[in-house]
C-alpha atoms as a PDB file:
ATOM      1  CA  MET A   1     229.405  -4.972 154.998  1.00  0.00           C
ATOM      2  CA  GLY A   2     226.764  -6.668 157.133  1.00  0.00           C
ATOM      3  CA  PRO A   3     227.461  -9.231 159.894  1.00  0.00           C
ATOM      4  CA  LYS A   4     226.193 -12.117 157.737  1.00  0.00           C
ATOM      5  CA  ASN A   5     228.637 -11.271 154.942  1.00  0.00           C
ATOM      6  CA  SER A   6     231.485 -10.930 157.458  1.00  0.00           C
ATOM      7  CA  LYS A   7     230.736 -14.369 158.936  1.00  0.00           C
ATOM      8  CA  LYS A   8     230.488 -15.899 155.465  1.00  0.00           C
ATOM      9  CA  LYS A   9     233.826 -14.354 154.496  1.00  0.00           C
ATOM     10  CA  ARG A  10     235.490 -15.649 157.707  1.00  0.00           C
ATOM     11  CA  ARG A  11     234.094 -19.152 157.129  1.00  0.00           C
ATOM     12  CA  LYS A  12     235.350 -19.125 153.529  1.00  0.00           C
ATOM     13  CA  LYS A  13     238.785 -17.928 154.655  1.00  0.00           C
ATOM     14  CA  LYS A  14     238.936 -20.607 157.381  1.00  0.00           C
ATOM     15  CA  GLU A  15     237.943 -23.350 154.935  1.00  0.00           C
ATOM     16  CA  GLN A  16     240.573 -22.180 152.427  1.00  0.00           C
ATOM     17  CA  LYS A  17     243.198 -22.191 155.143  1.00  0.00           C
ATOM     18  CA  ARG A  18     242.212 -25.729 156.147  1.00  0.00           C
ATOM     19  CA  GLN A  19     242.421 -26.926 152.531  1.00  0.00           C
ATOM     20  CA  ASN A  20     245.846 -25.286 152.078  1.00  0.00           C
ATOM     21  CA  LYS A  21     247.064 -27.062 155.203  1.00  0.00           C
ATOM     22  CA  ILE A  22     245.869 -30.443 153.913  1.00  0.00           C
ATOM     23  CA  GLN A  23     247.439 -29.857 150.526  1.00  0.00           C
ATOM     24  CA  ASN A  24     250.769 -28.791 152.036  1.00  0.00           C
ATOM     25  CA  GLN A  25     250.822 -31.870 154.274  1.00  0.00           C
ATOM     26  CA  LEU A  26     250.125 -34.090 151.308  1.00  0.00           C
ATOM     27  CA  LYS A  27     252.830 -32.445 149.211  1.00  0.00           C
ATOM     28  CA  ASN A  28     255.331 -33.044 151.999  1.00  0.00           C
ATOM     29  CA  GLU A  29     254.423 -36.734 152.122  1.00  0.00           C
ATOM     30  CA  LYS A  30     256.723 -38.492 149.646  1.00  0.00           C
ATOM     31  CA  SER A  31     254.250 -41.282 148.975  1.00  0.00           C
ATOM     32  CA  MET A  32     251.712 -38.741 147.793  1.00  0.00           C
ATOM     33  CA  LEU A  33     253.952 -36.828 145.411  1.00  0.00           C
ATOM     34  CA  ASP A  34     253.706 -39.399 142.671  1.00  0.00           C
ATOM     35  CA  LYS A  35     250.149 -40.401 143.403  1.00  0.00           C
ATOM     36  CA  GLU A  36     247.610 -40.116 140.619  1.00  0.00           C
ATOM     37  CA  LEU A  37     244.123 -39.418 141.914  1.00  0.00           C
ATOM     38  CA  ARG A  38     241.743 -41.678 140.003  1.00  0.00           C
ATOM     39  CA  LEU A  39     238.053 -40.789 139.797  1.00  0.00           C
ATOM     40  CA  LEU A  40     235.849 -43.506 138.344  1.00  0.00           C
ATOM     41  CA  ILE A  41     232.563 -42.231 136.980  1.00  0.00           C
ATOM     42  CA  LEU A  42     229.805 -44.804 136.623  1.00  0.00           C
ATOM     43  CA  GLY A  43     226.104 -44.840 135.841  1.00  0.00           C
ATOM     44  CA  THR A  44     223.583 -46.288 133.410  1.00  0.00           C
ATOM     45  CA  GLY A  45     223.544 -45.368 129.720  1.00  0.00           C
ATOM     46  CA  ASP A  46     222.567 -41.756 128.938  1.00  0.00           C
ATOM     47  CA  SER A  47     222.863 -40.651 132.569  1.00  0.00           C
ATOM     48  CA  GLY A  48     225.197 -37.776 131.677  1.00  0.00           C
ATOM     49  CA  LYS A  49     228.553 -39.304 132.604  1.00  0.00           C
ATOM     50  CA  SER A  50     230.210 -38.306 129.367  1.00  0.00           C
ATOM     51  CA  THR A  51     228.916 -34.755 129.664  1.00  0.00           C
ATOM     52  CA  PHE A  52     230.636 -34.513 133.044  1.00  0.00           C
ATOM     53  CA  VAL A  53     233.890 -35.666 131.436  1.00  0.00           C
ATOM     54  CA  LYS A  54     233.502 -33.077 128.659  1.00  0.00           C
ATOM     55  CA  GLN A  55     233.044 -30.419 131.340  1.00  0.00           C
ATOM     56  CA  MET A  56     236.376 -31.464 132.911  1.00  0.00           C
ATOM     57  CA  GLN A  57     238.057 -30.880 129.556  1.00  0.00           C
ATOM     58  CA  ILE A  58     236.447 -27.465 129.235  1.00  0.00           C
ATOM     59  CA  LEU A  59     237.396 -26.454 132.774  1.00  0.00           C
ATOM     60  CA  PHE A  60     240.887 -27.900 133.066  1.00  0.00           C
ATOM     61  CA  LYS A  61     242.206 -28.650 129.568  1.00  0.00           C
ATOM     62  CA  ASN A  62     241.191 -25.520 127.647  1.00  0.00           C
ATOM     63  CA  GLY A  63     238.512 -27.365 125.722  1.00  0.00           C
ATOM     64  CA  PHE A  64     239.046 -29.766 122.854  1.00  0.00           C
ATOM     65  CA  SER A  65     241.719 -30.509 120.281  1.00  0.00           C
ATOM     66  CA  LYS A  66     241.170 -29.906 116.554  1.00  0.00           C
ATOM     67  CA  VAL A  67     240.778 -33.646 116.012  1.00  0.00           C
ATOM     68  CA  GLU A  68     238.180 -33.900 118.792  1.00  0.00           C
ATOM     69  CA  ILE A  69     236.247 -30.893 117.448  1.00  0.00           C
ATOM     70  CA  GLN A  70     236.128 -32.505 113.987  1.00  0.00           C
ATOM     71  CA  LEU A  71     234.825 -35.742 115.522  1.00  0.00           C
ATOM     72  CA  TYR A  72     232.166 -33.840 117.450  1.00  0.00           C
ATOM     73  CA  ARG A  73     231.182 -31.971 114.276  1.00  0.00           C
ATOM     74  CA  ASP A  74     230.569 -35.255 112.457  1.00  0.00           C
ATOM     75  CA  THR A  75     228.695 -36.660 115.454  1.00  0.00           C
ATOM     76  CA  ILE A  76     226.433 -33.588 115.751  1.00  0.00           C
ATOM     77  CA  ARG A  77     225.521 -33.970 112.065  1.00  0.00           C
ATOM     78  CA  ARG A  78     224.654 -37.638 112.560  1.00  0.00           C
ATOM     79  CA  ASN A  79     222.680 -36.664 115.677  1.00  0.00           C
ATOM     80  CA  LEU A  80     220.559 -34.362 113.499  1.00  0.00           C
ATOM     81  CA  VAL A  81     219.555 -37.239 111.225  1.00  0.00           C
ATOM     82  CA  SER A  82     218.958 -39.549 114.194  1.00  0.00           C
ATOM     83  CA  HIS A  83     216.819 -36.959 116.021  1.00  0.00           C
ATOM     84  CA  THR A  84     214.686 -36.515 112.906  1.00  0.00           C
ATOM     85  CA  LEU A  85     214.114 -40.260 112.667  1.00  0.00           C
ATOM     86  CA  LYS A  86     213.040 -40.404 116.314  1.00  0.00           C
ATOM     87  CA  LEU A  87     210.584 -37.525 115.874  1.00  0.00           C
ATOM     88  CA  ILE A  88     209.036 -39.078 112.766  1.00  0.00           C
ATOM     89  CA  LYS A  89     208.584 -42.390 114.638  1.00  0.00           C
ATOM     90  CA  ALA A  90     207.082 -40.543 117.610  1.00  0.00           C
ATOM     91  CA  VAL A  91     204.593 -38.792 115.291  1.00  0.00           C
ATOM     92  CA  GLU A  92     203.460 -42.244 114.160  1.00  0.00           C
ATOM     93  CA  ASP A  93     203.372 -43.639 117.733  1.00  0.00           C
ATOM     94  CA  PHE A  94     201.235 -40.740 118.965  1.00  0.00           C
ATOM     95  CA  ASN A  95     198.897 -40.998 115.935  1.00  0.00           C
ATOM     96  CA  LEU A  96     199.599 -37.453 114.801  1.00  0.00           C
ATOM     97  CA  ASN A  97     199.416 -36.312 111.201  1.00  0.00           C
ATOM     98  CA  LEU A  98     202.023 -34.591 109.117  1.00  0.00           C
ATOM     99  CA  SER A  99     200.946 -32.570 106.090  1.00  0.00           C
ATOM    100  CA  ARG A 100     200.288 -34.678 102.975  1.00  0.00           C
ATOM    101  CA  GLU A 101     203.564 -33.535 101.383  1.00  0.00           C
ATOM    102  CA  ASN A 102     205.574 -34.193 104.538  1.00  0.00           C
ATOM    103  CA  THR A 103     203.965 -37.614 105.060  1.00  0.00           C
ATOM    104  CA  LYS A 104     205.541 -38.789 101.815  1.00  0.00           C
ATOM    105  CA  LEU A 105     208.800 -37.098 102.745  1.00  0.00           C
ATOM    106  CA  ALA A 106     208.791 -38.788 106.171  1.00  0.00           C
ATOM    107  CA  GLN A 107     208.197 -42.187 104.586  1.00  0.00           C
ATOM    108  CA  ASP A 108     211.252 -41.701 102.391  1.00  0.00           C
ATOM    109  CA  PHE A 109     213.281 -40.517 105.378  1.00  0.00           C
ATOM    110  CA  LEU A 110     212.347 -43.608 107.394  1.00  0.00           C
ATOM    111  CA  LEU A 111     214.067 -45.773 104.787  1.00  0.00           C
ATOM    112  CA  ILE A 112     217.290 -44.612 106.452  1.00  0.00           C
ATOM    113  CA  GLU A 113     218.486 -47.267 108.855  1.00  0.00           C
ATOM    114  CA  ASP A 114     219.308 -45.885 112.291  1.00  0.00           C
ATOM    115  CA  GLU A 115     222.954 -46.905 112.228  1.00  0.00           C
ATOM    116  CA  GLU A 116     226.057 -44.770 112.051  1.00  0.00           C
ATOM    117  CA  SER A 117     226.982 -45.600 108.449  1.00  0.00           C
ATOM    118  CA  LYS A 118     223.547 -44.420 107.210  1.00  0.00           C
ATOM    119  CA  LEU A 119     223.290 -41.191 109.238  1.00  0.00           C
ATOM    120  CA  GLU A 120     225.545 -38.906 107.194  1.00  0.00           C
ATOM    121  CA  LEU A 121     224.062 -35.427 106.741  1.00  0.00           C
ATOM    122  CA  THR A 122     223.885 -35.091 102.950  1.00  0.00           C
ATOM    123  CA  GLU A 123     222.494 -32.029 101.147  1.00  0.00           C
ATOM    124  CA  LYS A 124     219.305 -34.003 100.397  1.00  0.00           C
ATOM    125  CA  LYS A 125     218.829 -34.987 104.034  1.00  0.00           C
ATOM    126  CA  LYS A 126     219.485 -31.432 105.160  1.00  0.00           C
ATOM    127  CA  ASN A 127     216.668 -30.102 102.965  1.00  0.00           C
ATOM    128  CA  GLN A 128     214.358 -32.895 104.102  1.00  0.00           C
ATOM    129  CA  ILE A 129     215.075 -32.121 107.748  1.00  0.00           C
ATOM    130  CA  ILE A 130     214.371 -28.403 107.259  1.00  0.00           C
ATOM    131  CA  GLN A 131     211.003 -29.147 105.662  1.00  0.00           C
ATOM    132  CA  LEU A 132     210.005 -31.835 108.195  1.00  0.00           C
ATOM    133  CA  TRP A 133     211.002 -29.697 111.192  1.00  0.00           C
ATOM    134  CA  SER A 134     208.762 -26.893 109.931  1.00  0.00           C
ATOM    135  CA  ASP A 135     205.729 -29.198 110.240  1.00  0.00           C
ATOM    136  CA  LYS A 136     203.457 -28.490 113.226  1.00  0.00           C
ATOM    137  CA  ALA A 137     203.192 -32.187 114.105  1.00  0.00           C
ATOM    138  CA  MET A 138     206.971 -32.460 114.478  1.00  0.00           C
ATOM    139  CA  LYS A 139     207.017 -29.434 116.789  1.00  0.00           C
ATOM    140  CA  HIS A 140     204.089 -30.784 118.758  1.00  0.00           C
ATOM    141  CA  VAL A 141     205.647 -34.204 119.254  1.00  0.00           C
ATOM    142  CA  PHE A 142     208.877 -32.592 120.473  1.00  0.00           C
ATOM    143  CA  GLU A 143     206.833 -30.817 123.149  1.00  0.00           C
ATOM    144  CA  ARG A 144     205.891 -34.317 124.331  1.00  0.00           C
ATOM    145  CA  ARG A 145     209.536 -35.420 124.520  1.00  0.00           C
ATOM    146  CA  SER A 146     209.117 -36.371 128.191  1.00  0.00           C
ATOM    147  CA  GLU A 147     207.142 -39.393 126.912  1.00  0.00           C
ATOM    148  CA  PHE A 148     209.931 -40.836 124.743  1.00  0.00           C
ATOM    149  CA  GLN A 149     213.700 -40.733 124.484  1.00  0.00           C
ATOM    150  CA  ILE A 150     215.221 -37.804 122.651  1.00  0.00           C
ATOM    151  CA  PRO A 151     217.812 -35.311 123.941  1.00  0.00           C
ATOM    152  CA  ASP A 152     216.566 -31.887 125.001  1.00  0.00           C
ATOM    153  CA  SER A 153     219.258 -30.395 122.763  1.00  0.00           C
ATOM    154  CA  ALA A 154     217.588 -31.856 119.657  1.00  0.00           C
ATOM    155  CA  ALA A 155     215.521 -28.696 119.020  1.00  0.00           C
ATOM    156  CA  SER A 156     218.634 -26.505 119.139  1.00  0.00           C
ATOM    157  CA  PHE A 157     220.328 -28.734 116.554  1.00  0.00           C
ATOM    158  CA  LEU A 158     217.246 -28.824 114.304  1.00  0.00           C
ATOM    159  CA  ASP A 159     216.815 -25.047 114.489  1.00  0.00           C
ATOM    160  CA  GLN A 160     220.446 -24.630 113.318  1.00  0.00           C
ATOM    161  CA  VAL A 161     220.552 -27.283 110.610  1.00  0.00           C
ATOM    162  CA  GLU A 162     221.752 -24.789 107.957  1.00  0.00           C
ATOM    163  CA  GLU A 163     224.711 -23.714 110.096  1.00  0.00           C
ATOM    164  CA  ILE A 164     225.552 -27.254 111.225  1.00  0.00           C
ATOM    165  CA  SER A 165     225.542 -28.558 107.671  1.00  0.00           C
ATOM    166  CA  SER A 166     227.715 -25.720 106.336  1.00  0.00           C
ATOM    167  CA  THR A 167     231.293 -26.400 105.227  1.00  0.00           C
ATOM    168  CA  GLY A 168     232.839 -24.040 107.753  1.00  0.00           C
ATOM    169  CA  TYR A 169     230.815 -25.204 110.756  1.00  0.00           C
ATOM    170  CA  VAL A 170     232.714 -25.325 114.032  1.00  0.00           C
ATOM    171  CA  PRO A 171     230.768 -26.765 116.977  1.00  0.00           C
ATOM    172  CA  THR A 172     230.132 -24.455 119.901  1.00  0.00           C
ATOM    173  CA  LYS A 173     230.714 -25.531 123.493  1.00  0.00           C
ATOM    174  CA  ASP A 174     226.955 -25.951 123.955  1.00  0.00           C
ATOM    175  CA  HIS A 175     226.695 -28.093 120.819  1.00  0.00           C
ATOM    176  CA  ILE A 176     229.517 -30.353 122.045  1.00  0.00           C
ATOM    177  CA  LEU A 177     227.902 -30.686 125.453  1.00  0.00           C
ATOM    178  CA  GLY A 178     224.550 -31.468 123.829  1.00  0.00           C
ATOM    179  CA  CYS A 179     225.693 -34.050 121.303  1.00  0.00           C
ATOM    180  CA  ARG A 180     225.081 -37.706 122.044  1.00  0.00           C
ATOM    181  CA  ILE A 181     227.805 -40.356 121.696  1.00  0.00           C
ATOM    182  CA  PRO A 182     227.128 -43.630 123.518  1.00  0.00           C
ATOM    183  CA  THR A 183     230.341 -44.439 125.433  1.00  0.00           C
ATOM    184  CA  THR A 184     231.907 -47.727 124.372  1.00  0.00           C
ATOM    185  CA  GLY A 185     235.121 -48.872 125.950  1.00  0.00           C
ATOM    186  CA  VAL A 186     236.922 -46.407 128.199  1.00  0.00           C
ATOM    187  CA  LYS A 187     237.247 -42.627 127.987  1.00  0.00           C
ATOM    188  CA  GLU A 188     239.895 -40.995 130.138  1.00  0.00           C
ATOM    189  CA  VAL A 189     240.739 -37.367 130.784  1.00  0.00           C
ATOM    190  CA  THR A 190     243.891 -36.438 132.708  1.00  0.00           C
ATOM    191  CA  PHE A 191     244.673 -32.984 134.075  1.00  0.00           C
ATOM    192  CA  SER A 192     246.502 -31.296 136.945  1.00  0.00           C
ATOM    193  CA  THR A 193     245.297 -28.993 139.729  1.00  0.00           C
ATOM    194  CA  ASP A 194     247.148 -27.942 142.889  1.00  0.00           C
ATOM    195  CA  ASP A 195     250.176 -30.073 141.987  1.00  0.00           C
ATOM    196  CA  PHE A 196     248.066 -33.232 141.776  1.00  0.00           C
ATOM    197  CA  THR A 197     247.300 -35.280 138.712  1.00  0.00           C
ATOM    198  CA  TRP A 198     243.660 -36.285 138.277  1.00  0.00           C
ATOM    199  CA  ARG A 199     242.470 -39.066 136.006  1.00  0.00           C
ATOM    200  CA  ILE A 200     238.735 -39.191 135.256  1.00  0.00           C
ATOM    201  CA  ILE A 201     237.727 -42.618 133.961  1.00  0.00           C
ATOM    202  CA  ASP A 202     234.418 -43.004 132.110  1.00  0.00           C
ATOM    203  CA  VAL A 203     233.272 -46.418 130.947  1.00  0.00           C
ATOM    204  CA  GLY A 204     230.196 -47.252 128.890  1.00  0.00           C
ATOM    205  CA  GLY A 205     226.933 -47.417 130.836  1.00  0.00           C
ATOM    206  CA  GLN A 206     224.946 -49.649 128.514  1.00  0.00           C
ATOM    207  CA  ARG A 207     224.422 -53.171 129.853  1.00  0.00           C
ATOM    208  CA  SER A 208     226.740 -54.685 127.266  1.00  0.00           C
ATOM    209  CA  GLU A 209     229.573 -52.421 128.437  1.00  0.00           C
ATOM    210  CA  ARG A 210     229.341 -53.087 132.172  1.00  0.00           C
ATOM    211  CA  ARG A 211     231.358 -56.309 132.148  1.00  0.00           C
ATOM    212  CA  LYS A 212     234.404 -54.141 131.387  1.00  0.00           C
ATOM    213  CA  TRP A 213     234.028 -52.091 134.570  1.00  0.00           C
ATOM    214  CA  ILE A 214     235.754 -54.515 136.910  1.00  0.00           C
ATOM    215  CA  HIS A 215     239.095 -53.872 135.197  1.00  0.00           C
ATOM    216  CA  HIS A 216     239.042 -50.270 136.440  1.00  0.00           C
ATOM    217  CA  PHE A 217     237.914 -50.805 140.039  1.00  0.00           C
ATOM    218  CA  GLU A 218     241.351 -51.070 141.661  1.00  0.00           C
ATOM    219  CA  ASN A 219     243.273 -48.072 143.008  1.00  0.00           C
ATOM    220  CA  ILE A 220     240.315 -45.728 142.708  1.00  0.00           C
ATOM    221  CA  SER A 221     240.449 -42.592 144.888  1.00  0.00           C
ATOM    222  CA  ILE A 222     236.737 -41.921 144.694  1.00  0.00           C
ATOM    223  CA  LEU A 223     233.606 -43.138 142.937  1.00  0.00           C
ATOM    224  CA  ILE A 224     231.219 -40.796 141.155  1.00  0.00           C
ATOM    225  CA  TYR A 225     227.844 -42.333 140.334  1.00  0.00           C
ATOM    226  CA  VAL A 226     225.590 -40.366 137.991  1.00  0.00           C
ATOM    227  CA  VAL A 227     221.807 -40.659 138.018  1.00  0.00           C
ATOM    228  CA  ALA A 228     219.568 -38.993 135.383  1.00  0.00           C
ATOM    229  CA  LEU A 229     216.609 -37.987 137.577  1.00  0.00           C
ATOM    230  CA  SER A 230     214.551 -36.965 134.544  1.00  0.00           C
ATOM    231  CA  GLU A 231     214.366 -40.572 133.300  1.00  0.00           C
ATOM    232  CA  TYR A 232     212.063 -41.802 136.064  1.00  0.00           C
ATOM    233  CA  ASN A 233     209.258 -42.439 133.557  1.00  0.00           C
ATOM    234  CA  LEU A 234     211.382 -43.930 130.734  1.00  0.00           C
ATOM    235  CA  LYS A 235     212.390 -47.484 129.827  1.00  0.00           C
ATOM    236  CA  LEU A 236     215.781 -48.972 128.967  1.00  0.00           C
ATOM    237  CA  PHE A 237     216.956 -48.982 125.337  1.00  0.00           C
ATOM    238  CA  GLU A 238     217.947 -52.633 125.774  1.00  0.00           C
ATOM    239  CA  GLU A 239     214.829 -53.854 127.551  1.00  0.00           C
ATOM    240  CA  GLN A 240     211.611 -51.892 127.165  1.00  0.00           C
ATOM    241  CA  ASN A 241     209.891 -53.305 130.243  1.00  0.00           C
ATOM    242  CA  ILE A 242     212.566 -52.076 132.685  1.00  0.00           C
ATOM    243  CA  ASN A 243     212.289 -48.605 134.182  1.00  0.00           C
ATOM    244  CA  ARG A 244     215.522 -46.612 133.819  1.00  0.00           C
ATOM    245  CA  MET A 245     215.468 -45.159 137.345  1.00  0.00           C
ATOM    246  CA  ILE A 246     214.910 -48.589 138.913  1.00  0.00           C
ATOM    247  CA  GLU A 247     217.754 -49.962 136.785  1.00  0.00           C
ATOM    248  CA  SER A 248     220.020 -47.187 138.027  1.00  0.00           C
ATOM    249  CA  LEU A 249     219.032 -47.843 141.649  1.00  0.00           C
ATOM    250  CA  LYS A 250     219.775 -51.569 141.346  1.00  0.00           C
ATOM    251  CA  LEU A 251     223.092 -50.903 139.620  1.00  0.00           C
ATOM    252  CA  PHE A 252     224.091 -48.429 142.347  1.00  0.00           C
ATOM    253  CA  LYS A 253     223.479 -51.067 145.029  1.00  0.00           C
ATOM    254  CA  GLN A 254     225.592 -53.596 143.135  1.00  0.00           C
ATOM    255  CA  ILE A 255     228.451 -51.102 142.886  1.00  0.00           C
ATOM    256  CA  VAL A 256     228.499 -49.755 146.439  1.00  0.00           C
ATOM    257  CA  THR A 257     228.444 -53.286 147.869  1.00  0.00           C
ATOM    258  CA  ASN A 258     231.311 -54.403 145.633  1.00  0.00           C
ATOM    259  CA  GLU A 259     234.421 -55.373 147.601  1.00  0.00           C
ATOM    260  CA  TYR A 260     236.517 -52.712 145.846  1.00  0.00           C
ATOM    261  CA  PHE A 261     234.237 -49.878 146.966  1.00  0.00           C
ATOM    262  CA  VAL A 262     232.910 -50.772 150.389  1.00  0.00           C
ATOM    263  CA  GLN A 263     235.433 -48.475 152.075  1.00  0.00           C
ATOM    264  CA  LYS A 264     235.405 -45.752 149.445  1.00  0.00           C
ATOM    265  CA  ASP A 265     233.562 -42.454 149.580  1.00  0.00           C
ATOM    266  CA  CYS A 266     230.939 -42.066 146.899  1.00  0.00           C
ATOM    267  CA  MET A 267     229.697 -38.956 145.135  1.00  0.00           C
ATOM    268  CA  LEU A 268     226.116 -39.405 144.003  1.00  0.00           C
ATOM    269  CA  LEU A 269     225.378 -36.958 141.197  1.00  0.00           C
ATOM    270  CA  PHE A 270     221.676 -36.350 140.662  1.00  0.00           C
ATOM    271  CA  ASN A 271     221.855 -35.077 137.090  1.00  0.00           C
ATOM    272  CA  LYS A 272     219.448 -33.374 134.627  1.00  0.00           C
ATOM    273  CA  MET A 273     217.774 -31.446 137.429  1.00  0.00           C
ATOM    274  CA  ASP A 274     216.349 -28.862 135.024  1.00  0.00           C
ATOM    275  CA  LEU A 275     214.550 -31.545 133.002  1.00  0.00           C
ATOM    276  CA  PHE A 276     213.452 -33.355 136.176  1.00  0.00           C
ATOM    277  CA  GLU A 277     211.841 -30.231 137.621  1.00  0.00           C
ATOM    278  CA  GLU A 278     210.037 -29.521 134.361  1.00  0.00           C
ATOM    279  CA  LYS A 279     208.808 -33.099 133.950  1.00  0.00           C
ATOM    280  CA  LEU A 280     207.417 -33.256 137.497  1.00  0.00           C
ATOM    281  CA  LYS A 281     204.861 -30.637 136.500  1.00  0.00           C
ATOM    282  CA  THR A 282     203.087 -33.134 134.231  1.00  0.00           C
ATOM    283  CA  ILE A 283     204.273 -36.640 135.185  1.00  0.00           C
ATOM    284  CA  ASP A 284     203.996 -37.881 138.772  1.00  0.00           C
ATOM    285  CA  LEU A 285     206.968 -39.593 140.399  1.00  0.00           C
ATOM    286  CA  GLU A 286     204.510 -42.319 141.345  1.00  0.00           C
ATOM    287  CA  VAL A 287     204.874 -43.782 137.823  1.00  0.00           C
ATOM    288  CA  CYS A 288     208.287 -45.010 138.995  1.00  0.00           C
ATOM    289  CA  PHE A 289     207.825 -45.401 142.757  1.00  0.00           C
ATOM    290  CA  SER A 290     204.320 -46.641 143.573  1.00  0.00           C
ATOM    291  CA  ASN A 291     204.845 -45.907 147.277  1.00  0.00           C
ATOM    292  CA  TYR A 292     205.564 -42.219 146.697  1.00  0.00           C
ATOM    293  CA  THR A 293     202.792 -40.185 148.300  1.00  0.00           C
ATOM    294  CA  GLY A 294     204.380 -36.754 148.149  1.00  0.00           C
ATOM    295  CA  SER A 295     203.654 -33.797 145.939  1.00  0.00           C
ATOM    296  CA  ASN A 296     205.303 -32.748 142.666  1.00  0.00           C
ATOM    297  CA  ASN A 297     207.561 -30.379 144.583  1.00  0.00           C
ATOM    298  CA  VAL A 298     211.110 -30.922 143.301  1.00  0.00           C
ATOM    299  CA  ASP A 299     212.774 -30.826 146.759  1.00  0.00           C
ATOM    300  CA  GLU A 300     210.314 -33.336 148.164  1.00  0.00           C
ATOM    301  CA  ALA A 301     210.813 -35.639 145.186  1.00  0.00           C
ATOM    302  CA  VAL A 302     214.628 -35.415 145.382  1.00  0.00           C
ATOM    303  CA  GLU A 303     214.512 -36.148 149.118  1.00  0.00           C
ATOM    304  CA  PHE A 304     212.460 -39.298 148.459  1.00  0.00           C
ATOM    305  CA  ILE A 305     214.819 -40.513 145.720  1.00  0.00           C
ATOM    306  CA  SER A 306     217.833 -39.739 147.946  1.00  0.00           C
ATOM    307  CA  GLU A 307     216.440 -42.005 150.647  1.00  0.00           C
ATOM    308  CA  LYS A 308     215.931 -44.796 148.107  1.00  0.00           C
ATOM    309  CA  PHE A 309     219.602 -44.623 147.088  1.00  0.00           C
ATOM    310  CA  LEU A 310     220.948 -44.251 150.634  1.00  0.00           C
ATOM    311  CA  ASP A 311     218.909 -47.273 151.752  1.00  0.00           C
ATOM    312  CA  SER A 312     221.019 -49.296 149.302  1.00  0.00           C
ATOM    313  CA  VAL A 313     224.148 -48.618 151.332  1.00  0.00           C
ATOM    314  CA  GLU A 314     224.773 -51.377 153.884  1.00  0.00           C
ATOM    315  CA  ASN A 315     227.468 -49.431 155.764  1.00  0.00           C
ATOM    316  CA  LYS A 316     225.426 -46.597 157.275  1.00  0.00           C
ATOM    317  CA  TYR A 317     228.608 -44.837 158.472  1.00  0.00           C
ATOM    318  CA  ARG A 318     229.941 -44.554 154.971  1.00  0.00           C
ATOM    319  CA  ASN A 319     230.231 -41.135 153.351  1.00  0.00           C
ATOM    320  CA  ILE A 320     227.775 -40.694 150.502  1.00  0.00           C
ATOM    321  CA  HIS A 321     227.719 -37.147 149.200  1.00  0.00           C
ATOM    322  CA  ILE A 322     224.739 -36.135 147.089  1.00  0.00           C
ATOM    323  CA  PHE A 323     224.894 -33.283 144.560  1.00  0.00           C
ATOM    324  CA  ARG A 324     222.255 -31.861 142.245  1.00  0.00           C
ATOM    325  CA  SER A 325     223.464 -30.936 138.803  1.00  0.00           C
ATOM    326  CA  THR A 326     222.591 -29.961 135.290  1.00  0.00           C
ATOM    327  CA  GLY A 327     225.315 -31.469 133.132  1.00  0.00           C
ATOM    328  CA  THR A 328     225.408 -28.580 130.672  1.00  0.00           C
ATOM    329  CA  ASP A 329     225.849 -25.949 133.433  1.00  0.00           C
ATOM    330  CA  THR A 330     229.634 -25.480 133.494  1.00  0.00           C
ATOM    331  CA  SER A 331     229.736 -23.192 136.551  1.00  0.00           C
ATOM    332  CA  ARG A 332     227.689 -25.663 138.615  1.00  0.00           C
ATOM    333  CA  ILE A 333     229.898 -28.598 137.552  1.00  0.00           C
ATOM    334  CA  GLN A 334     232.976 -26.582 138.557  1.00  0.00           C
ATOM    335  CA  LYS A 335     231.548 -26.052 142.058  1.00  0.00           C
ATOM    336  CA  ILE A 336     230.739 -29.742 142.369  1.00  0.00           C
ATOM    337  CA  PHE A 337     234.265 -30.696 141.335  1.00  0.00           C
ATOM    338  CA  GLU A 338     235.723 -28.363 143.970  1.00  0.00           C
ATOM    339  CA  GLU A 339     233.675 -30.215 146.605  1.00  0.00           C
ATOM    340  CA  ILE A 340     234.750 -33.559 145.172  1.00  0.00           C
ATOM    341  CA  LYS A 341     238.381 -32.422 145.253  1.00  0.00           C
ATOM    342  CA  SER A 342     238.002 -31.311 148.861  1.00  0.00           C
ATOM    343  CA  SER A 343     236.585 -34.697 149.867  1.00  0.00           C
ATOM    344  CA  VAL A 344     239.343 -36.622 148.093  1.00  0.00           C
ATOM    345  CA  LEU A 345     242.096 -34.566 149.709  1.00  0.00           C
ATOM    346  CA  GLU A 346     240.534 -35.024 153.126  1.00  0.00           C
ATOM    347  CA  GLY A 347     240.381 -38.760 152.576  1.00  0.00           C
ATOM    348  CA  LEU A 348     244.059 -38.837 151.654  1.00  0.00           C
ATOM    349  CA  GLN A 349     244.892 -36.820 154.738  1.00  0.00           C
ATOM    350  CA  ASN A 350     243.001 -39.272 156.948  1.00  0.00           C
ATOM    351  CA  ASP A 351     245.020 -42.116 155.390  1.00  0.00           C
ATOM    352  CA  LEU A 352     248.220 -40.328 156.430  1.00  0.00           C
ATOM    353  CA  ASP A 353     247.124 -39.696 160.019  1.00  0.00           C
END
């Protein structure tokens, strides 16, 4: 074993020993024994908050219950219909042409209203989706998905429409992580690690949902704020003249200056890194930040965005931890949670000292 590996092993052992000491001290402190560690996860709509919560269930709760799996199955099927509608509309917006037969089929499909009650995946819709997805124009418009709003997982769903529509279909982990359910109200996941109970609280990120946030601000152990980096060129669902990254930046400033959080550590999760890196190859960051003069190098771009968010923090001595993540990468999310856990435990230890 080389000297570098030996040093790395010693550092890891030292860090583990330090964490064990903190945990033992906390366990011996009566006031901590009954303490529930509450992690509030915030961000704008479609930032990836709910995917993070799903990952916590996968990592610490052995996945999903039968009832949850059934709900995800129904949602994935509705997602299929919704994705098809978005692609047809994008074909029209980009002035592309479907085949003559598929043009008529698309017109019929567009009669479906994009609301939950009309998005059921019937046998007729399944066959229509298969035929439409085989059209070159539909494939081409999906390749331009960075220019409009559709999940990256849409292609995977569309490629597997036969399986997803089958009677015995059971969603895979990847399908569940990729399905889209706008969070309304509050979603909570509770689990235990190292003799501590953790409660992850996810509240809706759409503008109409944010008024509910204040009710969950008290007694929070740590704040996790999720930013979808890949949305720097997209507009809000609710207001098409507002850039989604700018909206996220403004919201972050409002949150970190809120009286409940001014003394709290904050975990800033830069999400959808894989999509961000890919998009930078064709769309300059300058479309969002006019004063950006750097290259399309992902590290340079992330550094610039990091400075924008950190500049929002009035207390310059406050701990803001920045992580890069891809929400569907379970192993990466696990590593991030371990770092979050370490920070929370250290904060509790400081409170005891």
